[in-house]
């Protein structure tokens, strides 16, 4: 296991964070599925340069095979809750959206009630703290899906979006208005 982690660290030590370098690292993880545990450990370590790269690679891994995250989803969610790291929160918010979407749309990836509650808290946190637009957009999309099950989400989401719209970017406003419209036309 230690050799796998060292190999993964070496693979993640690319100098340029090009899409190709990230894809190559993700391909290695996909070919060595047990290394997902090591990748997650690196994602949440203190050394930010390496943890950012691991987060970007995790995004590509999950895009290709979300089920690798299945046995680790609770640990993943606990570790991202309250994380204040723009470079990592964007890929993590995207992964969260995929988790929620897979749960509700395909039933391939079931989430427990506790995991859905944790996802809800994380997404609301991303909307009420200072995050990049991409992170906020994925949080909105996740909450829209979660709101189908937890009806209290829609009024809270609508209120937050309406409060934020005057102070946010055009991209945020556009997505927020679409979300508000979806809530109204539910």
C-alpha atoms as a PDB file:
ATOM      1  CA  UNK A   1       0.000   0.000   0.000  1.00  0.00           C
ATOM      2  CA  UNK A   2       2.858   2.351   0.856  1.00  0.00           C
ATOM      3  CA  UNK A   3       4.448   1.730  -2.565  1.00  0.00           C
ATOM      4  CA  UNK A   4       1.139   2.583  -4.243  1.00  0.00           C
ATOM      5  CA  UNK A   5       0.921   5.848  -2.318  1.00  0.00           C
ATOM      6  CA  UNK A   6       4.521   6.769  -3.168  1.00  0.00           C
ATOM      7  CA  UNK A   7       3.883   5.973  -6.830  1.00  0.00           C
ATOM      8  CA  UNK A   8       0.748   8.098  -6.764  1.00  0.00           C
ATOM      9  CA  UNK A   9       2.600  11.005  -5.117  1.00  0.00           C
ATOM     10  CA  UNK A  10       5.234  10.770  -7.836  1.00  0.00           C
ATOM     11  CA  UNK A  11       2.518  10.773 -10.540  1.00  0.00           C
ATOM     12  CA  UNK A  12       0.817  13.782  -8.917  1.00  0.00           C
ATOM     13  CA  UNK A  13       4.086  15.710  -8.796  1.00  0.00           C
ATOM     14  CA  UNK A  14       3.645  16.962 -12.348  1.00  0.00           C
ATOM     15  CA  UNK A  15       5.007  20.461 -12.869  1.00  0.00           C
ATOM     16  CA  UNK A  16       2.290  21.759 -15.151  1.00  0.00           C
ATOM     17  CA  UNK A  17      -1.321  21.096 -14.271  1.00  0.00           C
ATOM     18  CA  UNK A  18      -2.294  20.556 -17.894  1.00  0.00           C
ATOM     19  CA  UNK A  19      -5.414  18.593 -18.720  1.00  0.00           C
ATOM     20  CA  UNK A  20      -3.204  15.832 -20.179  1.00  0.00           C
ATOM     21  CA  UNK A  21      -1.148  15.504 -16.995  1.00  0.00           C
ATOM     22  CA  UNK A  22      -4.334  15.292 -14.905  1.00  0.00           C
ATOM     23  CA  UNK A  23      -5.864  12.758 -17.305  1.00  0.00           C
ATOM     24  CA  UNK A  24      -2.715  10.625 -17.246  1.00  0.00           C
ATOM     25  CA  UNK A  25      -2.757  10.594 -13.445  1.00  0.00           C
ATOM     26  CA  UNK A  26      -6.472   9.738 -13.432  1.00  0.00           C
ATOM     27  CA  UNK A  27      -5.867   6.938 -15.926  1.00  0.00           C
ATOM     28  CA  UNK A  28      -3.301   5.433 -13.558  1.00  0.00           C
ATOM     29  CA  UNK A  29      -5.789   5.590 -10.650  1.00  0.00           C
ATOM     30  CA  UNK A  30      -8.492   4.014 -12.809  1.00  0.00           C
ATOM     31  CA  UNK A  31      -6.080   1.214 -13.716  1.00  0.00           C
ATOM     32  CA  UNK A  32      -5.253   0.775  -9.997  1.00  0.00           C
ATOM     33  CA  UNK A  33      -8.690   1.182  -8.344  1.00  0.00           C
ATOM     34  CA  UNK A  34      -7.419   0.408  -4.838  1.00  0.00           C
ATOM     35  CA  UNK A  35      -5.312   3.572  -5.073  1.00  0.00           C
ATOM     36  CA  UNK A  36      -8.481   5.675  -4.627  1.00  0.00           C
ATOM     37  CA  UNK A  37      -7.902   5.426  -0.863  1.00  0.00           C
ATOM     38  CA  UNK A  38      -4.444   6.940  -1.274  1.00  0.00           C
ATOM     39  CA  UNK A  39      -5.758   9.606  -3.629  1.00  0.00           C
ATOM     40  CA  UNK A  40      -8.361  10.655  -1.054  1.00  0.00           C
ATOM     41  CA  UNK A  41      -5.708  10.779   1.679  1.00  0.00           C
ATOM     42  CA  UNK A  42      -3.611  13.081  -0.495  1.00  0.00           C
ATOM     43  CA  UNK A  43      -6.660  15.228  -1.306  1.00  0.00           C
ATOM     44  CA  UNK A  44      -7.120  16.071   2.360  1.00  0.00           C
ATOM     45  CA  UNK A  45      -3.529  16.439   3.493  1.00  0.00           C
ATOM     46  CA  UNK A  46      -1.960  19.734   4.477  1.00  0.00           C
ATOM     47  CA  UNK A  47       0.439  20.056   1.527  1.00  0.00           C
ATOM     48  CA  UNK A  48      -1.809  22.200  -0.680  1.00  0.00           C
ATOM     49  CA  UNK A  49       0.129  21.960  -3.929  1.00  0.00           C
ATOM     50  CA  UNK A  50      -0.241  18.192  -3.991  1.00  0.00           C
ATOM     51  CA  UNK A  51      -3.759  18.156  -2.523  1.00  0.00           C
ATOM     52  CA  UNK A  52      -5.003  20.506  -5.263  1.00  0.00           C
ATOM     53  CA  UNK A  53      -3.620  18.224  -7.934  1.00  0.00           C
ATOM     54  CA  UNK A  54      -5.183  15.225  -6.208  1.00  0.00           C
ATOM     55  CA  UNK A  55      -8.567  17.013  -6.158  1.00  0.00           C
ATOM     56  CA  UNK A  56      -8.339  17.742  -9.885  1.00  0.00           C
ATOM     57  CA  UNK A  57      -7.425  14.115 -10.575  1.00  0.00           C
ATOM     58  CA  UNK A  58     -10.228  12.852  -8.314  1.00  0.00           C
ATOM     59  CA  UNK A  59     -12.678  14.860 -10.418  1.00  0.00           C
ATOM     60  CA  UNK A  60     -11.549  13.087 -13.600  1.00  0.00           C
ATOM     61  CA  UNK A  61     -11.558   9.694 -11.864  1.00  0.00           C
ATOM     62  CA  UNK A  62     -15.133  10.262 -10.668  1.00  0.00           C
ATOM     63  CA  UNK A  63     -16.191  11.519 -14.076  1.00  0.00           C
ATOM     64  CA  UNK A  64     -15.050   8.192 -15.516  1.00  0.00           C
ATOM     65  CA  UNK A  65     -16.005   5.861 -12.663  1.00  0.00           C
ATOM     66  CA  UNK A  66     -18.030   7.397  -9.837  1.00  0.00           C
ATOM     67  CA  UNK A  67     -18.524   3.983  -8.243  1.00  0.00           C
ATOM     68  CA  UNK A  68     -14.893   4.011  -7.068  1.00  0.00           C
ATOM     69  CA  UNK A  69     -15.975   6.660  -4.571  1.00  0.00           C
ATOM     70  CA  UNK A  70     -18.891   4.551  -3.263  1.00  0.00           C
ATOM     71  CA  UNK A  71     -17.116   2.970  -0.263  1.00  0.00           C
ATOM     72  CA  UNK A  72     -15.496   6.318   0.614  1.00  0.00           C
ATOM     73  CA  UNK A  73     -18.369   8.762   0.070  1.00  0.00           C
ATOM     74  CA  UNK A  74     -19.052   9.487   3.750  1.00  0.00           C
ATOM     75  CA  UNK A  75     -15.355  10.105   4.430  1.00  0.00           C
ATOM     76  CA  UNK A  76     -15.180  12.316   1.334  1.00  0.00           C
ATOM     77  CA  UNK A  77     -18.177  14.393   2.461  1.00  0.00           C
ATOM     78  CA  UNK A  78     -16.919  14.771   6.034  1.00  0.00           C
ATOM     79  CA  UNK A  79     -13.553  15.994   4.750  1.00  0.00           C
ATOM     80  CA  UNK A  80     -14.957  18.577   2.344  1.00  0.00           C
ATOM     81  CA  UNK A  81     -17.427  20.039   4.848  1.00  0.00           C
ATOM     82  CA  UNK A  82     -16.135  23.452   5.846  1.00  0.00           C
ATOM     83  CA  UNK A  83     -13.112  23.246   3.548  1.00  0.00           C
ATOM     84  CA  UNK A  84     -12.062  26.766   2.537  1.00  0.00           C
ATOM     85  CA  UNK A  85     -10.033  26.064  -0.570  1.00  0.00           C
ATOM     86  CA  UNK A  86     -11.194  27.522  -3.898  1.00  0.00           C
ATOM     87  CA  UNK A  87      -8.960  25.306  -5.999  1.00  0.00           C
ATOM     88  CA  UNK A  88     -10.316  22.143  -4.383  1.00  0.00           C
ATOM     89  CA  UNK A  89     -13.927  23.190  -3.823  1.00  0.00           C
ATOM     90  CA  UNK A  90     -14.683  23.493  -7.536  1.00  0.00           C
ATOM     91  CA  UNK A  91     -13.889  19.843  -8.331  1.00  0.00           C
ATOM     92  CA  UNK A  92     -15.464  18.731  -5.040  1.00  0.00           C
ATOM     93  CA  UNK A  93     -18.680  20.624  -5.799  1.00  0.00           C
ATOM     94  CA  UNK A  94     -18.814  18.964  -9.198  1.00  0.00           C
ATOM     95  CA  UNK A  95     -18.333  15.527  -7.617  1.00  0.00           C
ATOM     96  CA  UNK A  96     -21.095  16.311  -5.119  1.00  0.00           C
ATOM     97  CA  UNK A  97     -23.430  17.169  -7.982  1.00  0.00           C
ATOM     98  CA  UNK A  98     -22.583  13.876  -9.685  1.00  0.00           C
ATOM     99  CA  UNK A  99     -23.286  12.001  -6.433  1.00  0.00           C
ATOM    100  CA  UNK A 100     -26.697  13.628  -6.038  1.00  0.00           C
ATOM    101  CA  UNK A 101     -27.525  13.239  -9.719  1.00  0.00           C
ATOM    102  CA  UNK A 102     -26.541   9.558  -9.698  1.00  0.00           C
ATOM    103  CA  UNK A 103     -28.681   8.989  -6.617  1.00  0.00           C
ATOM    104  CA  UNK A 104     -31.830  10.592  -7.999  1.00  0.00           C
ATOM    105  CA  UNK A 105     -31.513  10.079 -11.728  1.00  0.00           C
ATOM    106  CA  UNK A 106     -29.924   6.681 -12.190  1.00  0.00           C
ATOM    107  CA  UNK A 107     -30.234   4.974  -8.800  1.00  0.00           C
ATOM    108  CA  UNK A 108     -26.742   3.580  -9.465  1.00  0.00           C
ATOM    109  CA  UNK A 109     -25.272   5.340  -6.491  1.00  0.00           C
ATOM    110  CA  UNK A 110     -27.443   5.365  -3.409  1.00  0.00           C
ATOM    111  CA  UNK A 111     -26.897   7.905  -0.663  1.00  0.00           C
ATOM    112  CA  UNK A 112     -28.001   7.434   2.921  1.00  0.00           C
ATOM    113  CA  UNK A 113     -30.247   9.991   4.599  1.00  0.00           C
ATOM    114  CA  UNK A 114     -27.258  11.179   6.649  1.00  0.00           C
ATOM    115  CA  UNK A 115     -25.170  11.616   3.483  1.00  0.00           C
ATOM    116  CA  UNK A 116     -27.962  13.598   1.807  1.00  0.00           C
ATOM    117  CA  UNK A 117     -28.208  15.815   4.887  1.00  0.00           C
ATOM    118  CA  UNK A 118     -24.448  16.332   4.862  1.00  0.00           C
ATOM    119  CA  UNK A 119     -24.524  17.155   1.138  1.00  0.00           C
ATOM    120  CA  UNK A 120     -27.308  19.654   1.803  1.00  0.00           C
ATOM    121  CA  UNK A 121     -25.272  21.369   4.533  1.00  0.00           C
ATOM    122  CA  UNK A 122     -22.163  21.472   2.347  1.00  0.00           C
ATOM    123  CA  UNK A 123     -24.030  22.957  -0.614  1.00  0.00           C
ATOM    124  CA  UNK A 124     -25.750  25.602   1.493  1.00  0.00           C
ATOM    125  CA  UNK A 125     -22.378  26.465   3.055  1.00  0.00           C
ATOM    126  CA  UNK A 126     -20.951  26.988  -0.428  1.00  0.00           C
ATOM    127  CA  UNK A 127     -23.812  29.361  -1.254  1.00  0.00           C
ATOM    128  CA  UNK A 128     -23.508  31.479   1.895  1.00  0.00           C
ATOM    129  CA  UNK A 129     -19.711  31.719   1.955  1.00  0.00           C
ATOM    130  CA  UNK A 130     -17.441  33.403  -0.550  1.00  0.00           C
ATOM    131  CA  UNK A 131     -16.876  30.788  -3.272  1.00  0.00           C
ATOM    132  CA  UNK A 132     -16.095  30.802  -6.966  1.00  0.00           C
ATOM    133  CA  UNK A 133     -19.122  30.801  -9.295  1.00  0.00           C
ATOM    134  CA  UNK A 134     -18.564  27.242 -10.551  1.00  0.00           C
ATOM    135  CA  UNK A 135     -18.695  25.904  -7.000  1.00  0.00           C
ATOM    136  CA  UNK A 136     -21.884  27.861  -6.299  1.00  0.00           C
ATOM    137  CA  UNK A 137     -23.531  26.696  -9.536  1.00  0.00           C
ATOM    138  CA  UNK A 138     -22.895  23.025  -8.737  1.00  0.00           C
ATOM    139  CA  UNK A 139     -24.223  23.637  -5.220  1.00  0.00           C
ATOM    140  CA  UNK A 140     -27.420  25.158  -6.670  1.00  0.00           C
ATOM    141  CA  UNK A 141     -27.897  22.211  -9.024  1.00  0.00           C
ATOM    142  CA  UNK A 142     -27.371  19.710  -6.206  1.00  0.00           C
ATOM    143  CA  UNK A 143     -29.835  21.509  -3.950  1.00  0.00           C
ATOM    144  CA  UNK A 144     -32.433  21.601  -6.711  1.00  0.00           C
ATOM    145  CA  UNK A 145     -32.300  17.809  -6.882  1.00  0.00           C
ATOM    146  CA  UNK A 146     -32.200  17.358  -3.100  1.00  0.00           C
ATOM    147  CA  UNK A 147     -35.188  19.702  -2.818  1.00  0.00           C
ATOM    148  CA  UNK A 148     -37.348  17.124  -4.571  1.00  0.00           C
ATOM    149  CA  UNK A 149     -37.016  14.977  -1.448  1.00  0.00           C
ATOM    150  CA  UNK A 150     -36.594  17.603   1.264  1.00  0.00           C
ATOM    151  CA  UNK A 151     -39.235  20.238   0.638  1.00  0.00           C
ATOM    152  CA  UNK A 152     -37.772  22.719   3.145  1.00  0.00           C
ATOM    153  CA  UNK A 153     -34.766  23.193   0.811  1.00  0.00           C
ATOM    154  CA  UNK A 154     -36.625  25.158  -1.884  1.00  0.00           C
ATOM    155  CA  UNK A 155     -37.759  28.118   0.239  1.00  0.00           C
ATOM    156  CA  UNK A 156     -34.299  28.385   1.829  1.00  0.00           C
ATOM    157  CA  UNK A 157     -32.543  28.112  -1.528  1.00  0.00           C
ATOM    158  CA  UNK A 158     -34.844  30.675  -3.135  1.00  0.00           C
ATOM    159  CA  UNK A 159     -34.247  33.153  -0.289  1.00  0.00           C
ATOM    160  CA  UNK A 160     -30.463  32.809  -0.459  1.00  0.00           C
ATOM    161  CA  UNK A 161     -30.394  33.145  -4.243  1.00  0.00           C
ATOM    162  CA  UNK A 162     -32.629  36.230  -4.202  1.00  0.00           C
ATOM    163  CA  UNK A 163     -30.413  37.821  -1.538  1.00  0.00           C
ATOM    164  CA  UNK A 164     -27.216  37.034  -3.466  1.00  0.00           C
ATOM    165  CA  UNK A 165     -28.305  37.966  -7.007  1.00  0.00           C
ATOM    166  CA  UNK A 166     -27.704  41.752  -6.688  1.00  0.00           C
ATOM    167  CA  UNK A 167     -24.125  41.193  -5.480  1.00  0.00           C
ATOM    168  CA  UNK A 168     -22.963  38.386  -7.754  1.00  0.00           C
ATOM    169  CA  UNK A 169     -21.602  37.924 -11.264  1.00  0.00           C
ATOM    170  CA  UNK A 170     -23.652  37.606 -14.436  1.00  0.00           C
ATOM    171  CA  UNK A 171     -22.999  33.852 -14.543  1.00  0.00           C
ATOM    172  CA  UNK A 172     -24.268  33.459 -10.976  1.00  0.00           C
ATOM    173  CA  UNK A 173     -27.336  35.579 -11.686  1.00  0.00           C
ATOM    174  CA  UNK A 174     -28.177  33.552 -14.790  1.00  0.00           C
ATOM    175  CA  UNK A 175     -28.021  30.191 -12.974  1.00  0.00           C
ATOM    176  CA  UNK A 176     -29.763  31.558  -9.878  1.00  0.00           C
ATOM    177  CA  UNK A 177     -32.676  32.874 -11.957  1.00  0.00           C
ATOM    178  CA  UNK A 178     -32.996  29.486 -13.680  1.00  0.00           C
ATOM    179  CA  UNK A 179     -33.056  27.789 -10.280  1.00  0.00           C
ATOM    180  CA  UNK A 180     -35.682  30.192  -8.951  1.00  0.00           C
ATOM    181  CA  UNK A 181     -37.769  29.588 -12.061  1.00  0.00           C
ATOM    182  CA  UNK A 182     -37.429  25.798 -11.599  1.00  0.00           C
ATOM    183  CA  UNK A 183     -38.532  26.138  -7.966  1.00  0.00           C
ATOM    184  CA  UNK A 184     -41.565  28.252  -8.919  1.00  0.00           C
ATOM    185  CA  UNK A 185     -42.594  25.896 -11.740  1.00  0.00           C
ATOM    186  CA  UNK A 186     -41.611  22.846  -9.695  1.00  0.00           C
END
